[in-house]
Structure formats: structure tokens, C-alpha cells
N, C-alpha and C. Protein backbone atom coordinates (compact mmCIF):
# COMPACT_ATOMS: atom_id res chain seq x y z
N MET A 1 132.47 116.50 111.53
CA MET A 1 131.77 116.48 112.80
C MET A 1 132.20 115.23 113.54
N LYS A 2 132.39 115.34 114.83
CA LYS A 2 132.83 114.18 115.62
C LYS A 2 131.70 113.18 115.79
N VAL A 3 132.07 111.97 116.09
CA VAL A 3 131.09 110.91 116.30
C VAL A 3 130.37 111.17 117.62
N VAL A 4 129.05 111.19 117.57
CA VAL A 4 128.25 111.46 118.75
C VAL A 4 127.86 110.13 119.37
N SER A 5 128.14 109.98 120.67
CA SER A 5 127.88 108.68 121.28
C SER A 5 126.89 108.75 122.44
N THR A 6 127.07 109.67 123.37
CA THR A 6 126.19 109.70 124.53
C THR A 6 124.92 110.49 124.23
N LYS A 7 123.91 110.24 125.05
CA LYS A 7 122.64 110.92 124.87
C LYS A 7 122.81 112.44 125.01
N GLN A 8 123.65 112.86 125.98
CA GLN A 8 123.90 114.29 126.19
C GLN A 8 124.56 114.91 124.96
N GLU A 9 125.53 114.22 124.38
CA GLU A 9 126.21 114.73 123.19
C GLU A 9 125.23 114.81 122.01
N LYS A 10 124.34 113.84 121.90
CA LYS A 10 123.34 113.85 120.83
C LYS A 10 122.40 115.05 121.00
N MET A 11 121.98 115.29 122.24
CA MET A 11 121.09 116.43 122.51
C MET A 11 121.77 117.75 122.17
N GLU A 12 123.04 117.88 122.51
CA GLU A 12 123.79 119.10 122.19
C GLU A 12 123.95 119.26 120.68
N SER A 13 124.19 118.15 120.00
CA SER A 13 124.33 118.18 118.55
C SER A 13 123.01 118.61 117.89
N VAL A 14 121.90 118.08 118.37
CA VAL A 14 120.59 118.45 117.84
C VAL A 14 120.31 119.92 118.10
N LYS A 15 120.62 120.40 119.30
CA LYS A 15 120.40 121.81 119.65
C LYS A 15 121.22 122.73 118.75
N GLU A 16 122.49 122.39 118.54
CA GLU A 16 123.38 123.19 117.70
C GLU A 16 122.86 123.24 116.25
N LEU A 17 122.47 122.09 115.73
CA LEU A 17 121.95 122.03 114.36
C LEU A 17 120.63 122.77 114.24
N HIS A 18 119.77 122.67 115.26
CA HIS A 18 118.48 123.38 115.26
C HIS A 18 118.72 124.89 115.17
N GLU A 19 119.67 125.41 115.93
CA GLU A 19 120.00 126.84 115.90
C GLU A 19 120.49 127.26 114.51
N LYS A 20 121.29 126.40 113.90
CA LYS A 20 121.78 126.70 112.54
C LYS A 20 120.63 126.71 111.54
N PHE A 21 119.70 125.77 111.67
CA PHE A 21 118.55 125.73 110.78
C PHE A 21 117.68 126.98 110.95
N GLU A 22 117.53 127.44 112.19
CA GLU A 22 116.71 128.63 112.45
C GLU A 22 117.31 129.88 111.81
N LYS A 23 118.63 130.00 111.85
CA LYS A 23 119.31 131.19 111.34
C LYS A 23 119.58 131.13 109.84
N ALA A 24 119.45 129.96 109.26
CA ALA A 24 119.83 129.76 107.85
C ALA A 24 118.84 130.41 106.89
N GLY A 25 119.38 131.04 105.86
CA GLY A 25 118.56 131.55 104.77
C GLY A 25 118.38 130.47 103.71
N LEU A 26 119.35 129.55 103.68
CA LEU A 26 119.34 128.48 102.68
C LEU A 26 119.84 127.19 103.31
N VAL A 27 119.11 126.11 103.07
CA VAL A 27 119.53 124.77 103.48
C VAL A 27 119.27 123.86 102.29
N ILE A 28 120.30 123.11 101.89
CA ILE A 28 120.14 122.15 100.79
C ILE A 28 120.59 120.78 101.27
N LEU A 29 119.75 119.79 101.05
CA LEU A 29 120.10 118.41 101.38
C LEU A 29 120.67 117.75 100.13
N THR A 30 121.79 117.06 100.30
CA THR A 30 122.45 116.41 99.17
C THR A 30 122.65 114.93 99.45
N GLU A 31 122.86 114.21 98.38
CA GLU A 31 123.23 112.81 98.48
C GLU A 31 124.70 112.73 98.08
N TYR A 32 125.54 112.27 99.00
CA TYR A 32 126.98 112.28 98.75
C TYR A 32 127.56 110.88 98.60
N LYS A 33 126.72 109.87 98.56
CA LYS A 33 127.18 108.49 98.49
C LYS A 33 128.12 108.31 97.29
N GLY A 34 129.27 107.72 97.55
CA GLY A 34 130.23 107.48 96.48
C GLY A 34 131.38 108.47 96.45
N LEU A 35 131.28 109.56 97.23
CA LEU A 35 132.37 110.53 97.27
C LEU A 35 133.41 110.10 98.29
N THR A 36 134.65 110.43 98.02
CA THR A 36 135.73 110.12 98.97
C THR A 36 135.79 111.19 100.04
N VAL A 37 136.51 110.91 101.09
CA VAL A 37 136.70 111.88 102.17
C VAL A 37 137.39 113.13 101.62
N ALA A 38 138.35 112.94 100.74
CA ALA A 38 139.08 114.07 100.15
C ALA A 38 138.14 114.96 99.34
N GLN A 39 137.22 114.36 98.59
CA GLN A 39 136.27 115.13 97.80
C GLN A 39 135.31 115.90 98.70
N LEU A 40 134.82 115.26 99.76
CA LEU A 40 133.94 115.95 100.71
C LEU A 40 134.67 117.10 101.40
N THR A 41 135.94 116.88 101.73
CA THR A 41 136.74 117.93 102.36
C THR A 41 136.91 119.11 101.40
N GLU A 42 137.13 118.82 100.14
CA GLU A 42 137.26 119.88 99.12
C GLU A 42 135.98 120.71 99.04
N ILE A 43 134.84 120.02 99.03
CA ILE A 43 133.54 120.71 98.98
C ILE A 43 133.36 121.58 100.23
N ARG A 44 133.64 121.01 101.39
CA ARG A 44 133.51 121.76 102.66
C ARG A 44 134.37 123.02 102.64
N ASN A 45 135.61 122.88 102.21
CA ASN A 45 136.53 124.03 102.21
C ASN A 45 136.06 125.12 101.27
N ARG A 46 135.60 124.75 100.08
CA ARG A 46 135.11 125.76 99.13
C ARG A 46 133.88 126.48 99.69
N LEU A 47 132.98 125.72 100.32
CA LEU A 47 131.77 126.33 100.87
C LEU A 47 132.09 127.20 102.08
N ARG A 48 133.05 126.78 102.87
CA ARG A 48 133.47 127.57 104.03
C ARG A 48 134.01 128.93 103.58
N GLY A 49 134.65 128.94 102.41
CA GLY A 49 135.21 130.18 101.86
C GLY A 49 134.16 131.23 101.53
N CYS A 50 132.92 130.81 101.32
CA CYS A 50 131.85 131.80 101.04
C CYS A 50 130.89 131.93 102.23
N GLY A 51 131.36 131.53 103.40
CA GLY A 51 130.56 131.72 104.62
C GLY A 51 129.48 130.69 104.85
N SER A 52 129.58 129.55 104.19
CA SER A 52 128.59 128.48 104.35
C SER A 52 129.26 127.27 104.97
N GLU A 53 128.47 126.29 105.32
CA GLU A 53 129.07 125.06 105.82
C GLU A 53 128.33 123.85 105.27
N TYR A 54 129.07 122.76 105.19
CA TYR A 54 128.53 121.51 104.70
C TYR A 54 128.75 120.48 105.78
N LYS A 55 127.65 119.88 106.26
CA LYS A 55 127.73 118.92 107.36
C LYS A 55 127.15 117.58 106.94
N VAL A 56 127.70 116.55 107.51
CA VAL A 56 127.14 115.21 107.39
C VAL A 56 126.71 114.83 108.80
N VAL A 57 125.42 114.60 108.97
CA VAL A 57 124.89 114.25 110.30
C VAL A 57 123.96 113.05 110.16
N LYS A 58 123.69 112.42 111.27
CA LYS A 58 122.74 111.31 111.26
C LYS A 58 121.35 111.85 110.93
N ASN A 59 120.64 111.10 110.11
CA ASN A 59 119.32 111.53 109.67
C ASN A 59 118.33 111.71 110.82
N THR A 60 118.38 110.82 111.81
CA THR A 60 117.44 110.93 112.93
C THR A 60 117.71 112.22 113.72
N LEU A 61 118.98 112.56 113.90
CA LEU A 61 119.32 113.79 114.61
C LEU A 61 118.91 115.02 113.80
N ALA A 62 119.10 114.96 112.49
CA ALA A 62 118.73 116.07 111.62
C ALA A 62 117.21 116.28 111.62
N ARG A 63 116.46 115.19 111.61
CA ARG A 63 114.99 115.30 111.67
C ARG A 63 114.56 116.00 112.96
N ARG A 64 115.16 115.58 114.08
CA ARG A 64 114.82 116.22 115.36
C ARG A 64 115.21 117.69 115.35
N ALA A 65 116.36 117.99 114.79
CA ALA A 65 116.84 119.38 114.76
C ALA A 65 115.96 120.25 113.87
N SER A 66 115.32 119.66 112.88
CA SER A 66 114.51 120.45 111.94
C SER A 66 113.16 120.86 112.53
N GLU A 67 112.73 120.21 113.60
CA GLU A 67 111.42 120.51 114.19
C GLU A 67 111.35 121.98 114.60
N GLY A 68 110.27 122.64 114.17
CA GLY A 68 110.07 124.04 114.51
C GLY A 68 110.82 125.01 113.60
N THR A 69 111.42 124.51 112.53
CA THR A 69 112.12 125.36 111.56
C THR A 69 111.53 125.13 110.18
N ASP A 70 111.93 125.97 109.22
CA ASP A 70 111.48 125.79 107.83
C ASP A 70 111.96 124.47 107.24
N VAL A 71 113.06 123.96 107.74
CA VAL A 71 113.64 122.72 107.22
C VAL A 71 112.73 121.53 107.51
N HIS A 72 111.85 121.67 108.49
CA HIS A 72 110.94 120.58 108.85
C HIS A 72 110.05 120.17 107.66
N GLN A 73 109.85 121.09 106.71
CA GLN A 73 109.03 120.80 105.53
C GLN A 73 109.61 119.68 104.67
N VAL A 74 110.93 119.47 104.78
CA VAL A 74 111.60 118.47 103.93
C VAL A 74 112.18 117.33 104.76
N GLU A 75 111.66 117.11 105.96
CA GLU A 75 112.22 116.10 106.86
C GLU A 75 112.18 114.70 106.27
N ASN A 76 111.23 114.43 105.37
CA ASN A 76 111.14 113.09 104.76
C ASN A 76 112.31 112.81 103.80
N HIS A 77 113.11 113.83 103.50
CA HIS A 77 114.29 113.65 102.63
C HIS A 77 115.55 113.31 103.42
N PHE A 78 115.44 113.23 104.74
CA PHE A 78 116.59 112.82 105.56
C PHE A 78 116.67 111.30 105.53
N THR A 79 117.10 110.78 104.39
CA THR A 79 117.26 109.34 104.20
C THR A 79 118.57 109.09 103.47
N GLY A 80 119.14 107.94 103.70
CA GLY A 80 120.39 107.59 103.01
C GLY A 80 121.56 108.46 103.47
N ALA A 81 122.56 108.54 102.62
CA ALA A 81 123.75 109.34 102.91
C ALA A 81 123.43 110.81 102.61
N THR A 82 123.09 111.56 103.66
CA THR A 82 122.64 112.94 103.48
C THR A 82 123.67 113.93 104.01
N GLY A 83 124.04 114.86 103.15
CA GLY A 83 124.88 115.99 103.54
C GLY A 83 124.02 117.23 103.52
N ILE A 84 124.35 118.20 104.38
CA ILE A 84 123.51 119.39 104.51
C ILE A 84 124.36 120.63 104.28
N LEU A 85 123.97 121.43 103.29
CA LEU A 85 124.57 122.74 103.06
C LEU A 85 123.75 123.76 103.83
N ILE A 86 124.41 124.56 104.66
CA ILE A 86 123.73 125.58 105.45
C ILE A 86 124.41 126.92 105.17
N SER A 87 123.60 127.92 104.78
CA SER A 87 124.12 129.25 104.52
C SER A 87 123.21 130.29 105.16
N LYS A 88 123.81 131.22 105.88
CA LYS A 88 123.02 132.26 106.55
C LYS A 88 122.72 133.43 105.62
N ASP A 89 123.75 134.03 105.08
CA ASP A 89 123.60 135.29 104.35
C ASP A 89 123.61 135.12 102.83
N ASP A 90 124.74 134.69 102.32
CA ASP A 90 124.89 134.55 100.88
C ASP A 90 124.14 133.31 100.42
N ILE A 91 123.32 133.47 99.41
CA ILE A 91 122.53 132.35 98.93
C ILE A 91 123.06 131.84 97.60
N ILE A 92 123.45 132.73 96.73
CA ILE A 92 123.81 132.34 95.37
C ILE A 92 125.18 131.68 95.29
N SER A 93 126.19 132.23 95.95
CA SER A 93 127.55 131.67 95.85
C SER A 93 127.62 130.21 96.28
N PRO A 94 127.06 129.83 97.44
CA PRO A 94 127.14 128.42 97.82
C PRO A 94 126.41 127.49 96.86
N VAL A 95 125.30 127.96 96.29
CA VAL A 95 124.56 127.12 95.35
C VAL A 95 125.37 126.94 94.06
N LYS A 96 126.07 128.00 93.65
CA LYS A 96 126.94 127.89 92.46
C LYS A 96 128.05 126.87 92.70
N ILE A 97 128.67 126.93 93.88
CA ILE A 97 129.74 125.98 94.22
C ILE A 97 129.18 124.56 94.27
N LEU A 98 128.05 124.40 94.92
CA LEU A 98 127.41 123.08 95.02
C LEU A 98 127.10 122.53 93.63
N ASN A 99 126.57 123.38 92.77
CA ASN A 99 126.23 122.96 91.41
C ASN A 99 127.47 122.54 90.62
N GLU A 100 128.60 123.22 90.86
CA GLU A 100 129.87 122.84 90.24
C GLU A 100 130.20 121.38 90.56
N TYR A 101 130.08 121.04 91.84
CA TYR A 101 130.41 119.68 92.28
C TYR A 101 129.37 118.66 91.84
N ILE A 102 128.12 119.08 91.71
CA ILE A 102 127.08 118.18 91.20
C ILE A 102 127.41 117.82 89.75
N ASN A 103 127.88 118.81 88.99
CA ASN A 103 128.27 118.55 87.60
C ASN A 103 129.57 117.76 87.51
N LYS A 104 130.46 117.94 88.49
CA LYS A 104 131.77 117.29 88.48
C LYS A 104 131.68 115.81 88.90
N PHE A 105 130.89 115.52 89.93
CA PHE A 105 130.79 114.16 90.46
C PHE A 105 129.40 113.61 90.18
N GLU A 106 129.36 112.52 89.44
CA GLU A 106 128.08 111.94 89.04
C GLU A 106 127.25 111.46 90.23
N SER A 107 127.91 110.98 91.29
CA SER A 107 127.18 110.44 92.43
C SER A 107 126.74 111.50 93.44
N PHE A 108 127.15 112.74 93.24
CA PHE A 108 126.80 113.84 94.15
C PHE A 108 125.56 114.53 93.58
N LYS A 109 124.47 114.55 94.37
CA LYS A 109 123.21 115.10 93.88
C LYS A 109 122.54 115.97 94.94
N ALA A 110 121.82 116.97 94.46
CA ALA A 110 120.98 117.77 95.35
C ALA A 110 119.64 117.07 95.47
N LYS A 111 119.17 116.86 96.70
CA LYS A 111 117.87 116.21 96.92
C LYS A 111 116.77 117.26 96.92
N VAL A 112 116.92 118.23 97.82
CA VAL A 112 115.89 119.25 98.02
C VAL A 112 116.52 120.41 98.79
N GLY A 113 115.92 121.58 98.70
CA GLY A 113 116.43 122.73 99.43
C GLY A 113 115.31 123.53 100.04
N VAL A 114 115.67 124.39 100.98
CA VAL A 114 114.73 125.33 101.58
C VAL A 114 115.38 126.70 101.55
N LEU A 115 114.76 127.61 100.81
CA LEU A 115 115.26 128.98 100.66
C LEU A 115 114.25 129.94 101.26
N GLU A 116 114.61 130.50 102.41
CA GLU A 116 113.72 131.44 103.11
C GLU A 116 112.29 130.89 103.23
N GLY A 117 112.16 129.61 103.59
CA GLY A 117 110.86 128.99 103.79
C GLY A 117 110.26 128.36 102.55
N LEU A 118 110.84 128.60 101.38
CA LEU A 118 110.34 128.05 100.13
C LEU A 118 111.09 126.76 99.79
N VAL A 119 110.36 125.69 99.53
CA VAL A 119 110.97 124.40 99.21
C VAL A 119 111.41 124.43 97.75
N LEU A 120 112.66 124.02 97.52
CA LEU A 120 113.24 123.99 96.17
C LEU A 120 113.51 122.55 95.75
N ASP A 121 113.00 122.17 94.59
CA ASP A 121 113.35 120.86 94.03
C ASP A 121 114.71 121.01 93.33
N PRO A 122 115.33 119.92 92.90
CA PRO A 122 116.64 120.02 92.25
C PRO A 122 116.68 120.96 91.05
N GLY A 123 115.59 121.03 90.28
CA GLY A 123 115.52 121.95 89.13
C GLY A 123 115.59 123.40 89.55
N ARG A 124 114.89 123.75 90.61
CA ARG A 124 114.92 125.13 91.11
C ARG A 124 116.28 125.47 91.72
N ILE A 125 116.90 124.48 92.35
CA ILE A 125 118.24 124.71 92.90
C ILE A 125 119.19 125.06 91.76
N LYS A 126 119.07 124.35 90.65
CA LYS A 126 119.90 124.63 89.48
C LYS A 126 119.60 126.04 88.94
N SER A 127 118.34 126.46 88.96
CA SER A 127 117.96 127.81 88.51
C SER A 127 118.62 128.87 89.38
N VAL A 128 118.64 128.63 90.68
CA VAL A 128 119.29 129.58 91.59
C VAL A 128 120.79 129.64 91.29
N ALA A 129 121.39 128.49 90.97
CA ALA A 129 122.82 128.43 90.65
C ALA A 129 123.14 129.22 89.39
N ASN A 130 122.19 129.32 88.47
CA ASN A 130 122.43 130.05 87.22
C ASN A 130 122.17 131.55 87.33
N MET A 131 121.72 132.00 88.48
CA MET A 131 121.50 133.44 88.68
C MET A 131 122.85 134.14 88.78
N PRO A 132 122.88 135.43 88.43
CA PRO A 132 124.13 136.19 88.61
C PRO A 132 124.47 136.29 90.09
N SER A 133 125.74 136.56 90.37
CA SER A 133 126.18 136.67 91.76
C SER A 133 125.55 137.89 92.42
N ARG A 134 125.64 137.92 93.73
CA ARG A 134 125.06 139.01 94.52
C ARG A 134 125.62 140.36 94.09
N GLU A 135 126.94 140.40 93.85
CA GLU A 135 127.59 141.65 93.46
C GLU A 135 127.07 142.14 92.12
N VAL A 136 126.87 141.22 91.17
CA VAL A 136 126.35 141.59 89.85
C VAL A 136 124.92 142.10 89.98
N LEU A 137 124.10 141.43 90.79
CA LEU A 137 122.72 141.88 90.99
C LEU A 137 122.67 143.27 91.63
N ILE A 138 123.53 143.51 92.60
CA ILE A 138 123.59 144.84 93.24
C ILE A 138 124.02 145.88 92.22
N GLY A 139 125.02 145.54 91.41
CA GLY A 139 125.49 146.47 90.37
C GLY A 139 124.40 146.81 89.38
N LYS A 140 123.62 145.80 88.96
CA LYS A 140 122.52 146.05 88.03
C LYS A 140 121.45 146.93 88.67
N ALA A 141 121.16 146.66 89.94
CA ALA A 141 120.15 147.46 90.64
C ALA A 141 120.60 148.92 90.76
N LEU A 142 121.86 149.10 91.13
CA LEU A 142 122.38 150.47 91.23
C LEU A 142 122.41 151.16 89.88
N GLY A 143 122.76 150.42 88.84
CA GLY A 143 122.75 150.98 87.49
C GLY A 143 121.36 151.40 87.09
N GLY A 144 120.37 150.59 87.45
CA GLY A 144 118.99 150.93 87.16
C GLY A 144 118.52 152.16 87.92
N ILE A 145 119.01 152.32 89.13
CA ILE A 145 118.65 153.50 89.93
C ILE A 145 119.37 154.74 89.40
N LYS A 146 120.63 154.56 89.01
CA LYS A 146 121.45 155.67 88.54
C LYS A 146 121.01 156.20 87.18
N SER A 147 120.55 155.34 86.32
CA SER A 147 120.23 155.71 84.95
C SER A 147 119.22 156.86 84.86
N PRO A 148 118.08 156.81 85.54
CA PRO A 148 117.14 157.93 85.46
C PRO A 148 117.73 159.22 86.03
N ILE A 149 118.57 159.09 87.04
CA ILE A 149 119.18 160.29 87.64
C ILE A 149 120.11 160.95 86.62
N TYR A 150 120.90 160.15 85.90
CA TYR A 150 121.76 160.71 84.85
C TYR A 150 120.93 161.34 83.75
N GLY A 151 119.82 160.70 83.40
CA GLY A 151 118.93 161.26 82.38
C GLY A 151 118.37 162.60 82.82
N LEU A 152 117.94 162.68 84.08
CA LEU A 152 117.42 163.93 84.62
C LEU A 152 118.50 165.01 84.64
N ALA A 153 119.70 164.62 85.07
CA ALA A 153 120.80 165.58 85.11
C ALA A 153 121.12 166.09 83.71
N GLY A 154 121.11 165.20 82.71
CA GLY A 154 121.36 165.61 81.33
C GLY A 154 120.29 166.56 80.82
N THR A 155 119.03 166.26 81.13
CA THR A 155 117.92 167.12 80.72
C THR A 155 118.02 168.49 81.37
N LEU A 156 118.29 168.51 82.67
CA LEU A 156 118.42 169.80 83.37
C LEU A 156 119.59 170.60 82.83
N GLN A 157 120.68 169.91 82.52
CA GLN A 157 121.85 170.60 81.96
C GLN A 157 121.50 171.20 80.61
N GLY A 158 120.74 170.46 79.79
CA GLY A 158 120.32 170.97 78.48
C GLY A 158 119.44 172.20 78.63
N ILE A 159 118.50 172.16 79.58
CA ILE A 159 117.60 173.29 79.83
C ILE A 159 118.41 174.51 80.28
N LEU A 160 119.35 174.29 81.19
CA LEU A 160 120.18 175.40 81.68
C LEU A 160 121.05 175.98 80.57
N SER A 161 121.56 175.10 79.69
CA SER A 161 122.38 175.57 78.57
C SER A 161 121.54 176.43 77.64
N LYS A 162 120.33 175.98 77.33
CA LYS A 162 119.43 176.75 76.45
C LYS A 162 119.07 178.09 77.09
N LEU A 163 118.84 178.08 78.41
CA LEU A 163 118.54 179.32 79.13
C LEU A 163 119.73 180.28 79.05
N ALA A 164 120.93 179.75 79.24
CA ALA A 164 122.14 180.59 79.16
C ALA A 164 122.31 181.16 77.75
N TYR A 165 122.06 180.35 76.71
CA TYR A 165 122.14 180.83 75.33
C TYR A 165 121.10 181.92 75.07
N ALA A 166 119.88 181.72 75.60
CA ALA A 166 118.82 182.70 75.40
C ALA A 166 119.16 184.03 76.09
N ILE A 167 119.67 183.94 77.31
CA ILE A 167 120.07 185.17 78.04
C ILE A 167 121.21 185.86 77.29
N ASN A 168 122.15 185.09 76.80
CA ASN A 168 123.29 185.65 76.05
C ASN A 168 122.78 186.28 74.74
N ALA A 169 121.80 185.68 74.07
CA ALA A 169 121.24 186.24 72.83
C ALA A 169 120.51 187.55 73.11
N VAL A 170 119.74 187.61 74.23
CA VAL A 170 119.04 188.83 74.62
C VAL A 170 120.06 189.93 74.91
N LYS A 171 121.13 189.59 75.61
CA LYS A 171 122.18 190.54 75.93
C LYS A 171 122.84 191.08 74.66
N ASP A 172 123.13 190.18 73.71
CA ASP A 172 123.73 190.60 72.45
C ASP A 172 122.78 191.48 71.64
N ALA A 173 121.48 191.15 71.68
CA ALA A 173 120.47 191.93 70.94
C ALA A 173 120.34 193.32 71.53
N ARG A 174 120.38 193.48 72.83
CA ARG A 174 120.29 194.79 73.48
C ARG A 174 121.55 195.61 73.18
N ALA A 175 122.70 194.94 73.19
CA ALA A 175 123.95 195.65 72.92
C ALA A 175 123.98 196.14 71.46
N ALA A 176 123.39 195.36 70.54
CA ALA A 176 123.41 195.74 69.13
C ALA A 176 122.33 196.76 68.83
N GLY A 177 121.25 196.72 69.54
CA GLY A 177 120.15 197.60 69.17
C GLY A 177 119.86 198.61 70.19
């Protein structure tokens, strides 16, 4: 993000961030102190790949931008070197990537998160990171939906087979007798 200098630029930056907070399904505040520019760029690029973004903004501007959004619940965490992960749609993939870097870099930490209005402490953020991916969850849900249908189809097929055998037995009995 470019350096904001004039009052007008600050207002535009706050407005832009406020809109992102409103649309976000997930916002996580991190402490990035001690990371190099190259490491932050690596994190940003990986998160961008899953449709999320990682921003470093001034805490005062972030506090103002959070007003009227779910993120306002954690405004007291806008202190120190704060980076912000913002994700609209996918929730699990960005948290998994973030958790990778938290484990990789000792100085990189999750402070707090907001998931669809619910405040997440670092422990809960880690729990979300350990969940299966969206695709796996969808696959499991579809498998759960499909399973009873296959069972019903198998039962109906068995009933129809028995009916066909019974009709064939009656036919054979009439032909013989």
C-alpha cells in the first residue's frame, strides 16, 4: 500500500478499507514485527492466490475503517505492527496459509480474528486452520447426501429382483402344472 500523506488520501484509504471490512467473511489481525519485506511479499502473494489479501495499514486508519463493521469488535487490537488478512469468500484456505507462516516464522503471530461476526482468539484461528478444505467438506456433504440414495436404490433393486423372480416362478409353475 502506498504511503498516505494528505487528509483526502487518508479519507479515501479509510473508505476503501471500510468497504473491504464490510464485505469480508474473515478478517485476521496479525503481528508481523521482525519479518522482512521479502517474507511479507511472499505471504501476500500466497494469500492473493486464494482470493484474499494481506494489508499493512496505520492502526488509527484501521480503527476508523472498522467503525460500523464486525471488525469494530476487535479495534483495541490495532496496536503495534499490525497486518490485516481480509477474505471475502474462502475462509479456510487463507487461514491454512496464514497458519503455515505462523509456524514458519517465530515473530509472525495471529492476534485476533473476526469470522462472520464471531471473534476468534489465536487458538480458534488455529482450529479453523486444521479444518478440511472447502472442497473436502463439500465432497463429504455430497457423499452423505448420496449414501442414503444409493441405499434406497439398492433396496428398490432388490425388491424388483425378488418380484421378477416371483413372477418367473409363478410362470414356471403354471407352465408345469
